[in-house]
């Protein structure tokens, strides 16, 4: 019986992979990213042969990790059982460790946090200055899983009166703040250098706040906090760089503006990001009028199990998908074909598809990154502003590219996940070639502040 089962697995897994690649069937994305373990430098002895061997090993591991029959329900059930079993011990150890961390915070080699002073940082978004008296919560935070890049946690919160407040997954970089401190300084230096060399261009910076940047993380997960490092970054920007970010000083803000199961912001989050970005634009263009979004929520019809849920193999939590419609005027765009994901239809076409329940219903389908097309050039022919925008963006920028472009004549995007974004073209060449008047960097803080993935694009001078 066991031999029969083993043979079935050996045969079924590659068959399932082949049929999936051919488009005959759809396979759940289980969140496992299988990478080549070792790369041999091109030009060295036997590099081509050994790299082919490593790629074959990677492909075999991929087949027998992501295409095993019944992998998703089995691993999901196993992970759920393990998490529930470990929850009391994990919660106790987390609480104990956090108390120790809180008692020893003064021993860090990092500089003491300073209040940002560069233009664009307002009191409402200064993470060191809460605007209202925060509600007090009781938190339960426990470790779920780790891989080479991230650690994953589940955060649960109730008010002191016992009322439910929040329940979501988070991921944090596996490197601590002190290890990222030199990269933070390097990023700030490169941004200042670009802005100083081209003073006639308006420079805007909008890092999307990650959980580790917040005072909440500093309170409940001090070992993972980059709260002080986040503020140090802004204090290093020169007066030429305008910046802003979403302040998360209450757990309900996190619950409202970000997915519970995914690391991205949701429609309410990116609508708030759009509002703050246009406020920065209005410093230079007072007549600019921000667009008011209409929200479409597909209650009980489009359920999201996001990247964090897939990474921890759990369907315990889910999100309801919704989008923000900015009612954009006529415009043209070119899709960035160098990205392996992203929508191929217009926003309105997809909106009608979702309203008519013609959307993809797979649990693992990433509605956020596939709903809007990833564009690399946008033109509003009716505009006559004399303004041209360059956006340096990542996946957080996807739903905002076309609406941000609506305030300019032409907009050009360099997208971090595109294999065609990393060209030899320097930013100053692009500024000259396209008559760029404004540059916006819209990336997650892990990328633009800490360059954690070594792909922030700020190295393209």
Protein backbone atom coordinates (compact mmCIF):
# COMPACT_ATOMS: atom_id res chain seq x y z
CA UNK A 1 0.00 0.00 0.00
CA UNK A 2 2.75 2.45 0.95
CA UNK A 3 4.72 1.65 -2.23
CA UNK A 4 1.58 2.26 -4.31
CA UNK A 5 1.03 5.58 -2.56
CA UNK A 6 4.67 6.57 -3.06
CA UNK A 7 4.55 5.74 -6.77
CA UNK A 8 1.30 7.71 -7.11
CA UNK A 9 2.93 10.76 -5.53
CA UNK A 10 6.05 10.46 -7.70
CA UNK A 11 3.93 10.31 -10.85
CA UNK A 12 1.12 12.70 -9.88
CA UNK A 13 3.30 15.63 -8.78
CA UNK A 14 5.14 16.16 -12.10
CA UNK A 15 1.93 15.45 -14.02
CA UNK A 16 0.12 18.10 -11.99
CA UNK A 17 2.98 20.55 -12.61
CA UNK A 18 2.95 19.89 -16.37
CA UNK A 19 -0.82 20.36 -16.63
CA UNK A 20 -0.62 23.56 -14.59
CA UNK A 21 2.15 25.04 -16.74
CA UNK A 22 0.17 24.09 -19.87
CA UNK A 23 -2.90 25.92 -18.54
CA UNK A 24 -5.05 22.79 -18.47
CA UNK A 25 -5.66 22.99 -14.72
CA UNK A 26 -5.17 25.57 -11.98
CA UNK A 27 -3.15 24.81 -8.89
CA UNK A 28 -3.42 26.62 -5.60
CA UNK A 29 -0.48 28.92 -4.89
CA UNK A 30 0.75 27.62 -1.55
CA UNK A 31 3.18 30.45 -0.86
CA UNK A 32 6.40 28.46 -1.23
CA UNK A 33 9.08 30.23 -3.26
CA UNK A 34 11.74 27.72 -4.22
CA UNK A 35 15.03 29.38 -5.13
CA UNK A 36 18.31 28.10 -6.51
CA UNK A 37 20.51 27.36 -3.51
CA UNK A 38 23.81 28.32 -5.14
CA UNK A 39 24.89 30.24 -8.23
CA UNK A 40 28.30 29.82 -9.84
CA UNK A 41 29.88 32.93 -11.30
CA UNK A 42 29.65 33.10 -15.09
CA UNK A 43 32.97 32.54 -16.81
CA UNK A 44 34.42 30.34 -14.08
CA UNK A 45 35.31 26.70 -14.72
CA UNK A 46 32.21 24.56 -15.15
CA UNK A 47 29.81 27.41 -14.20
CA UNK A 48 27.26 26.60 -16.90
CA UNK A 49 27.19 22.91 -16.01
CA UNK A 50 26.96 23.41 -12.26
CA UNK A 51 24.32 26.13 -12.59
CA UNK A 52 22.26 23.74 -14.74
CA UNK A 53 22.59 21.11 -11.99
CA UNK A 54 21.48 23.61 -9.34
CA UNK A 55 18.50 24.67 -11.49
CA UNK A 56 17.48 21.02 -11.93
CA UNK A 57 17.66 20.51 -8.16
CA UNK A 58 15.51 23.61 -7.72
CA UNK A 59 12.92 22.36 -10.25
CA UNK A 60 12.69 18.94 -8.59
CA UNK A 61 12.25 20.54 -5.18
CA UNK A 62 9.56 22.81 -6.61
CA UNK A 63 7.66 19.85 -8.08
CA UNK A 64 7.69 17.86 -4.85
CA UNK A 65 6.87 20.86 -2.69
CA UNK A 66 4.19 22.78 -4.57
CA UNK A 67 2.54 20.09 -6.69
CA UNK A 68 2.03 17.20 -4.28
CA UNK A 69 -1.66 16.12 -4.43
CA UNK A 70 -3.71 17.38 -1.47
CA UNK A 71 -0.76 19.48 -0.31
CA UNK A 72 -2.85 22.54 0.54
CA UNK A 73 -5.51 20.94 2.79
CA UNK A 74 -2.97 18.71 4.52
CA UNK A 75 -0.44 21.45 5.27
CA UNK A 76 -3.16 23.93 6.20
CA UNK A 77 -4.66 21.49 8.69
CA UNK A 78 -1.23 20.59 10.06
CA UNK A 79 -0.17 24.23 10.43
CA UNK A 80 -3.44 25.12 12.10
CA UNK A 81 -3.10 22.27 14.57
CA UNK A 82 0.52 23.18 15.31
CA UNK A 83 -0.26 26.86 15.79
CA UNK A 84 -3.12 26.14 18.18
CA UNK A 85 -1.00 23.64 20.08
CA UNK A 86 1.92 26.05 20.42
CA UNK A 87 -0.18 29.13 21.07
CA UNK A 88 -0.13 29.12 24.92
CA UNK A 89 3.63 28.51 25.10
CA UNK A 90 4.37 30.92 22.25
CA UNK A 91 2.28 33.67 23.84
CA UNK A 92 3.99 33.18 27.20
CA UNK A 93 7.49 33.25 25.70
CA UNK A 94 6.67 36.26 23.54
CA UNK A 95 5.35 38.20 26.53
CA UNK A 96 8.36 37.23 28.65
CA UNK A 97 10.86 38.11 25.92
CA UNK A 98 9.19 41.44 25.18
CA UNK A 99 9.37 42.46 28.82
CA UNK A 100 13.09 41.73 28.82
CA UNK A 101 13.54 43.68 25.59
CA UNK A 102 11.63 46.65 26.99
CA UNK A 103 13.85 46.69 30.08
CA UNK A 104 17.02 46.73 27.94
CA UNK A 105 16.06 49.14 25.16
CA UNK A 106 18.67 51.64 26.28
CA UNK A 107 21.54 49.33 25.31
CA UNK A 108 21.06 49.63 21.53
CA UNK A 109 23.95 51.03 19.49
CA UNK A 110 21.46 52.92 17.32
CA UNK A 111 21.27 56.71 17.74
CA UNK A 112 18.42 58.01 19.84
CA UNK A 113 15.32 58.78 17.74
CA UNK A 114 14.90 62.33 16.51
CA UNK A 115 11.80 64.14 15.36
CA UNK A 116 11.69 64.55 11.54
CA UNK A 117 12.07 68.17 10.47
CA UNK A 118 12.23 68.06 6.67
CA UNK A 119 9.39 69.66 4.68
CA UNK A 120 6.48 67.35 4.08
CA UNK A 121 6.43 65.80 7.53
CA UNK A 122 3.48 67.19 9.42
CA UNK A 123 2.59 66.77 13.06
CA UNK A 124 -0.27 64.45 12.15
CA UNK A 125 2.22 62.05 10.59
CA UNK A 126 5.07 62.41 13.02
CA UNK A 127 5.24 58.99 14.63
CA UNK A 128 6.69 60.55 17.78
CA UNK A 129 3.67 62.82 18.30
CA UNK A 130 0.28 61.05 18.68
CA UNK A 131 -2.63 63.25 17.63
CA UNK A 132 -5.18 61.80 20.03
CA UNK A 133 -5.07 59.86 23.24
CA UNK A 134 -4.65 56.24 22.09
CA UNK A 135 -7.09 53.56 23.14
CA UNK A 136 -5.49 50.96 25.37
CA UNK A 137 -5.51 47.34 24.24
CA UNK A 138 -4.56 43.93 25.49
CA UNK A 139 -2.43 42.15 22.89
CA UNK A 140 -1.72 38.52 22.20
CA UNK A 141 1.13 38.05 19.74
CA UNK A 142 2.68 34.74 18.83
CA UNK A 143 5.30 33.51 16.43
CA UNK A 144 4.10 31.37 13.50
CA UNK A 145 6.90 30.67 11.06
CA UNK A 146 10.17 31.90 9.58
CA UNK A 147 12.04 31.55 6.30
CA UNK A 148 15.24 33.02 4.93
CA UNK A 149 13.65 36.44 4.42
CA UNK A 150 10.89 36.95 6.97
CA UNK A 151 9.40 36.00 10.29
CA UNK A 152 5.63 35.73 10.60
CA UNK A 153 3.40 36.49 13.57
CA UNK A 154 -0.24 36.63 14.42
CA UNK A 155 -1.39 39.72 16.31
CA UNK A 156 -4.68 39.76 18.22
CA UNK A 157 -6.00 42.72 20.19
CA UNK A 158 -8.98 43.52 22.41
CA UNK A 159 -9.83 46.64 24.34
CA UNK A 160 -9.36 46.55 28.08
CA UNK A 161 -13.13 46.10 28.28
CA UNK A 162 -12.81 42.87 26.29
CA UNK A 163 -14.19 44.18 22.98
CA UNK A 164 -12.65 42.75 19.79
CA UNK A 165 -10.25 45.15 18.07
CA UNK A 166 -8.04 43.34 15.57
CA UNK A 167 -6.73 39.98 14.37
CA UNK A 168 -4.17 39.78 11.55
CA UNK A 169 -0.92 38.26 10.32
CA UNK A 170 2.27 40.26 9.92
CA UNK A 171 5.65 39.58 8.38
CA UNK A 172 8.84 41.31 9.44
CA UNK A 173 12.37 41.22 7.97
CA UNK A 174 14.62 38.64 9.56
CA UNK A 175 17.41 41.21 10.00
CA UNK A 176 17.25 43.47 13.03
CA UNK A 177 17.38 47.27 13.02
CA UNK A 178 21.09 47.52 13.82
CA UNK A 179 21.97 45.38 10.79
CA UNK A 180 19.88 47.65 8.55
CA UNK A 181 21.16 50.94 9.97
CA UNK A 182 24.02 51.38 7.42
CA UNK A 183 21.63 50.70 4.53
CA UNK A 184 19.18 53.28 5.87
CA UNK A 185 21.92 55.88 5.86
CA UNK A 186 22.98 54.85 2.34
CA UNK A 187 19.42 55.17 1.04
CA UNK A 188 19.00 58.64 2.54
CA UNK A 189 22.34 59.71 1.06
CA UNK A 190 21.42 58.53 -2.45
CA UNK A 191 18.03 60.27 -2.32
CA UNK A 192 19.62 63.52 -1.12
CA UNK A 193 22.27 63.26 -3.83
CA UNK A 194 19.66 62.89 -6.59
CA UNK A 195 17.59 65.78 -5.28
CA UNK A 196 20.62 68.05 -4.88
CA UNK A 197 21.92 67.43 -8.40
CA UNK A 198 18.57 68.35 -9.96
CA UNK A 199 17.18 71.17 -7.79
CA UNK A 200 14.72 72.25 -10.52
CA UNK A 201 12.78 68.98 -10.05
CA UNK A 202 10.28 68.44 -7.23
CA UNK A 203 11.15 65.31 -5.20
CA UNK A 204 8.55 63.40 -3.18
CA UNK A 205 9.01 60.36 -0.99
CA UNK A 206 6.17 58.16 0.26
CA UNK A 207 7.34 54.99 2.06
CA UNK A 208 4.37 52.73 2.80
CA UNK A 209 4.48 52.03 6.51
CA UNK A 210 5.26 48.45 7.53
CA UNK A 211 4.22 47.12 10.93
CA UNK A 212 7.79 47.12 12.25
CA UNK A 213 7.91 50.92 11.70
CA UNK A 214 5.10 51.62 14.16
CA UNK A 215 5.01 52.52 17.81
CA UNK A 216 2.64 49.57 18.25
CA UNK A 217 5.35 47.14 17.15
CA UNK A 218 7.82 48.93 19.39
CA UNK A 219 5.45 48.20 22.27
CA UNK A 220 4.36 44.61 21.63
CA UNK A 221 7.26 43.23 19.51
CA UNK A 222 10.31 45.29 20.51
CA UNK A 223 12.71 42.65 19.17
CA UNK A 224 11.29 43.23 15.67
CA UNK A 225 10.83 47.00 15.89
CA UNK A 226 12.41 49.44 13.44
CA UNK A 227 10.37 52.35 14.80
CA UNK A 228 13.38 54.48 15.76
CA UNK A 229 15.25 53.62 12.57
CA UNK A 230 12.22 54.70 10.54
CA UNK A 231 12.27 58.13 12.18
CA UNK A 232 16.03 58.45 11.86
CA UNK A 233 15.67 58.04 8.11
CA UNK A 234 13.44 61.10 7.76
CA UNK A 235 15.75 63.22 9.92
CA UNK A 236 18.51 62.56 7.36
CA UNK A 237 16.61 63.84 4.32
CA UNK A 238 17.52 67.33 3.14
CA UNK A 239 15.12 70.21 2.68
CA UNK A 240 14.67 69.49 -1.03
CA UNK A 241 12.87 66.19 -0.38
CA UNK A 242 9.20 66.28 0.60
CA UNK A 243 7.92 63.20 2.35
CA UNK A 244 4.89 61.78 4.07
CA UNK A 245 3.61 58.41 5.23
CA UNK A 246 0.61 56.79 6.89
CA UNK A 247 0.85 57.02 10.63
CA UNK A 248 -0.36 53.87 12.41
CA UNK A 249 -0.73 54.89 16.03
CA UNK A 250 -3.78 52.74 16.75
CA UNK A 251 -4.34 49.07 15.98
CA UNK A 252 -7.70 49.91 14.39
CA UNK A 253 -5.88 51.99 11.76
CA UNK A 254 -3.84 48.94 10.81
CA UNK A 255 -7.00 46.83 10.72
CA UNK A 256 -8.81 49.32 8.48
CA UNK A 257 -6.11 50.28 5.98
CA UNK A 258 -4.25 47.00 5.44
CA UNK A 259 -5.25 43.45 4.62
CA UNK A 260 -5.39 41.07 7.58
CA UNK A 261 -3.84 38.21 5.61
CA UNK A 262 -1.60 40.05 3.14
CA UNK A 263 1.35 42.44 3.50
CA UNK A 264 -0.23 45.03 1.14
CA UNK A 265 -2.53 47.92 1.91
CA UNK A 266 -6.20 47.55 0.93
CA UNK A 267 -8.39 50.01 -0.97
CA UNK A 268 -8.94 52.22 2.07
CA UNK A 269 -5.19 52.22 2.66
CA UNK A 270 -4.13 53.19 -0.84
CA UNK A 271 -6.92 55.79 -1.00
CA UNK A 272 -5.43 57.36 2.13
CA UNK A 273 -1.98 57.13 0.57
CA UNK A 274 -3.29 58.91 -2.53
CA UNK A 275 -4.76 61.69 -0.38
CA UNK A 276 -1.46 62.27 1.44
CA UNK A 277 0.57 62.19 -1.78
CA UNK A 278 -1.68 64.79 -3.42
CA UNK A 279 -1.25 66.98 -0.34
CA UNK A 280 2.49 66.90 -1.07
CA UNK A 281 1.83 67.77 -4.72
CA UNK A 282 -0.29 70.74 -3.62
CA UNK A 283 2.68 72.34 -1.87
CA UNK A 284 4.04 73.03 -5.37
CA UNK A 285 0.71 73.10 -7.22
CA UNK A 286 -1.91 74.74 -4.97
CA UNK A 287 -4.61 74.50 -7.64
CA UNK A 288 -4.39 70.70 -7.79
CA UNK A 289 -7.68 69.02 -6.80
CA UNK A 290 -7.57 65.47 -5.44
CA UNK A 291 -10.14 62.97 -6.73
CA UNK A 292 -12.72 61.48 -4.38
CA UNK A 293 -12.85 57.68 -4.58
CA UNK A 294 -15.92 55.47 -4.65
CA UNK A 295 -15.40 52.15 -2.91
CA UNK A 296 -16.72 48.90 -4.31
CA UNK A 297 -16.88 46.05 -1.82
CA UNK A 298 -17.64 42.53 -2.96
CA UNK A 299 -19.07 41.22 0.32
CA UNK A 300 -19.15 37.44 0.65
CA UNK A 301 -18.24 37.14 -3.03
CA UNK A 302 -14.48 37.74 -3.30
CA UNK A 303 -12.52 36.32 -0.39
CA UNK A 304 -8.82 37.08 -0.07
CA UNK A 305 -6.28 34.72 1.44
CA UNK A 306 -3.22 36.88 1.10
CA UNK A 307 0.53 36.42 0.95
CA UNK A 308 0.98 36.10 4.71
CA UNK A 309 -1.79 33.51 5.00
CA UNK A 310 -0.23 31.47 2.20
CA UNK A 311 3.23 31.79 3.76
CA UNK A 312 2.00 30.26 7.04
CA UNK A 313 -0.27 27.75 5.23
CA UNK A 314 -3.38 28.92 7.02
CA UNK A 315 -6.91 29.76 5.89
CA UNK A 316 -8.02 30.68 9.41
CA UNK A 317 -8.24 34.41 8.59
CA UNK A 318 -9.51 35.98 5.38
CA UNK A 319 -10.27 39.38 3.88
CA UNK A 320 -13.10 40.75 1.79
CA UNK A 321 -11.79 42.28 -1.42
CA UNK A 322 -12.67 45.85 -2.34
CA UNK A 323 -11.36 48.52 -4.72
CA UNK A 324 -11.33 52.31 -4.94
CA UNK A 325 -12.70 53.83 -8.15
CA UNK A 326 -11.36 57.34 -8.86
CA UNK A 327 -13.55 57.89 -11.94
CA UNK A 328 -10.64 58.80 -14.19
CA UNK A 329 -11.04 60.80 -17.40
CA UNK A 330 -9.98 59.47 -20.77
CA UNK A 331 -6.34 58.46 -20.93
CA UNK A 332 -3.97 56.06 -22.62
CA UNK A 333 -1.34 53.79 -21.12
CA UNK A 334 1.22 51.17 -21.97
CA UNK A 335 1.37 48.01 -19.86
CA UNK A 336 4.69 46.93 -18.35
CA UNK A 337 5.25 43.51 -19.89
CA UNK A 338 8.40 42.85 -17.91
CA UNK A 339 6.37 41.93 -14.81
CA UNK A 340 5.13 38.37 -14.41
CA UNK A 341 1.88 39.48 -12.78
CA UNK A 342 -0.57 42.36 -12.93
CA UNK A 343 -3.85 42.88 -14.74
CA UNK A 344 -4.11 42.79 -18.51
CA UNK A 345 -7.51 44.50 -18.66
CA UNK A 346 -8.51 48.01 -17.68
CA UNK A 347 -9.79 48.87 -14.22
CA UNK A 348 -13.34 49.36 -15.51
CA UNK A 349 -13.30 46.07 -17.41
CA UNK A 350 -12.20 44.22 -14.31
CA UNK A 351 -14.74 46.08 -12.18
CA UNK A 352 -17.57 44.88 -14.39
CA UNK A 353 -16.18 41.36 -14.33
CA UNK A 354 -16.12 41.33 -10.52
CA UNK A 355 -19.61 42.84 -10.28
CA UNK A 356 -20.91 40.07 -12.52
CA UNK A 357 -19.09 37.38 -10.50
CA UNK A 358 -16.83 36.43 -13.40
CA UNK A 359 -13.63 36.77 -11.38
CA UNK A 360 -11.09 34.08 -10.52
CA UNK A 361 -12.38 32.09 -7.52
CA UNK A 362 -9.22 30.20 -6.57
CA UNK A 363 -8.32 30.63 -2.90
CA UNK A 364 -4.75 31.49 -3.75
CA UNK A 365 -5.56 34.06 -6.47
CA UNK A 366 -3.93 37.41 -5.72
CA UNK A 367 -6.77 39.85 -6.44
CA UNK A 368 -4.72 42.85 -5.31
CA UNK A 369 -1.86 42.55 -7.81
CA UNK A 370 -3.97 41.28 -10.72
CA UNK A 371 -6.88 43.72 -10.58
CA UNK A 372 -5.15 46.82 -11.96
CA UNK A 373 -2.75 46.81 -14.91
CA UNK A 374 0.87 47.62 -14.14
CA UNK A 375 1.57 50.52 -16.45
CA UNK A 376 4.90 52.00 -17.48
CA UNK A 377 3.67 55.10 -19.30
CA UNK A 378 0.40 57.07 -18.91
CA UNK A 379 -0.83 60.04 -20.95
CA UNK A 380 -3.84 62.27 -20.24
CA UNK A 381 -4.39 64.01 -23.61
CA UNK A 382 -6.82 66.58 -22.19
CA UNK A 383 -4.32 67.81 -19.61
CA UNK A 384 -2.23 70.88 -20.27
CA UNK A 385 -0.42 71.28 -16.97
CA UNK A 386 3.16 71.40 -18.22
CA UNK A 387 3.96 68.81 -15.59
CA UNK A 388 5.50 65.37 -16.22
CA UNK A 389 5.88 62.79 -13.45
CA UNK A 390 8.37 59.96 -12.89
CA UNK A 391 7.25 57.29 -10.41
CA UNK A 392 9.70 54.83 -8.84
CA UNK A 393 7.36 52.15 -7.53
CA UNK A 394 6.77 48.62 -6.34
CA UNK A 395 3.62 46.51 -5.86
CA UNK A 396 2.15 49.06 -3.44
CA UNK A 397 2.01 51.59 -6.26
CA UNK A 398 -0.05 49.41 -8.66
CA UNK A 399 -3.57 50.72 -7.85
CA UNK A 400 -2.39 54.37 -7.73
CA UNK A 401 -0.37 54.68 -10.94
CA UNK A 402 -3.21 55.90 -13.18
CA UNK A 403 -4.85 58.23 -10.66
CA UNK A 404 -1.55 59.88 -9.70
CA UNK A 405 -0.83 60.31 -13.40
CA UNK A 406 -4.15 62.15 -13.83
CA UNK A 407 -2.56 65.26 -12.31
CA UNK A 408 0.16 65.39 -14.97
CA UNK A 409 0.42 65.44 -18.75
CA UNK A 410 2.68 62.41 -19.03
CA UNK A 411 3.80 59.92 -16.40
CA UNK A 412 6.60 57.39 -16.62
CA UNK A 413 7.08 54.50 -14.18
CA UNK A 414 10.16 52.51 -13.24
CA UNK A 415 8.80 49.43 -11.48
CA UNK A 416 10.99 47.45 -9.11
CA UNK A 417 9.71 43.99 -10.07
CA UNK A 418 10.14 44.52 -13.79
CA UNK A 419 13.08 42.83 -15.46
CA UNK A 420 13.07 45.77 -17.86
CA UNK A 421 13.16 48.46 -15.18
CA UNK A 422 16.82 47.90 -14.38
CA UNK A 423 18.14 49.42 -17.57
CA UNK A 424 21.27 51.48 -18.16
CA UNK A 425 19.16 54.63 -18.27
CA UNK A 426 19.98 56.94 -15.38
CA UNK A 427 17.33 59.04 -13.68
CA UNK A 428 18.95 62.24 -14.85
CA UNK A 429 18.78 60.95 -18.43
CA UNK A 430 15.07 60.23 -17.98
CA UNK A 431 14.51 63.70 -16.53
CA UNK A 432 16.15 65.28 -19.56
CA UNK A 433 14.57 62.93 -22.11
CA UNK A 434 10.98 63.28 -20.91
CA UNK A 435 11.02 66.76 -19.40
CA UNK A 436 10.32 65.42 -15.90
CA UNK A 437 9.20 68.09 -13.45
CA UNK A 438 8.35 65.83 -10.50
CA UNK A 439 9.72 62.54 -9.13
CA UNK A 440 7.77 60.37 -6.67
CA UNK A 441 9.22 57.33 -4.95
CA UNK A 442 6.32 55.15 -3.78
CA UNK A 443 7.62 51.92 -2.27
CA UNK A 444 7.21 49.94 0.93
CA UNK A 445 9.49 51.08 3.73
CA UNK A 446 11.37 47.75 3.79
CA UNK A 447 12.51 48.64 0.28
CA UNK A 448 12.97 52.40 0.10
CA UNK A 449 14.11 53.02 3.70
CA UNK A 450 16.16 49.88 4.41
CA UNK A 451 16.76 48.46 0.88
CA UNK A 452 16.12 45.07 2.46
CA UNK A 453 15.67 43.30 -0.88
CA UNK A 454 18.58 45.11 -2.60
CA UNK A 455 16.25 46.33 -5.36
CA UNK A 456 14.92 49.72 -4.29
CA UNK A 457 16.06 51.24 -7.65
CA UNK A 458 17.65 54.18 -5.86
CA UNK A 459 21.00 52.87 -7.06
CA UNK A 460 20.01 53.96 -10.58
CA UNK A 461 21.57 57.40 -10.49
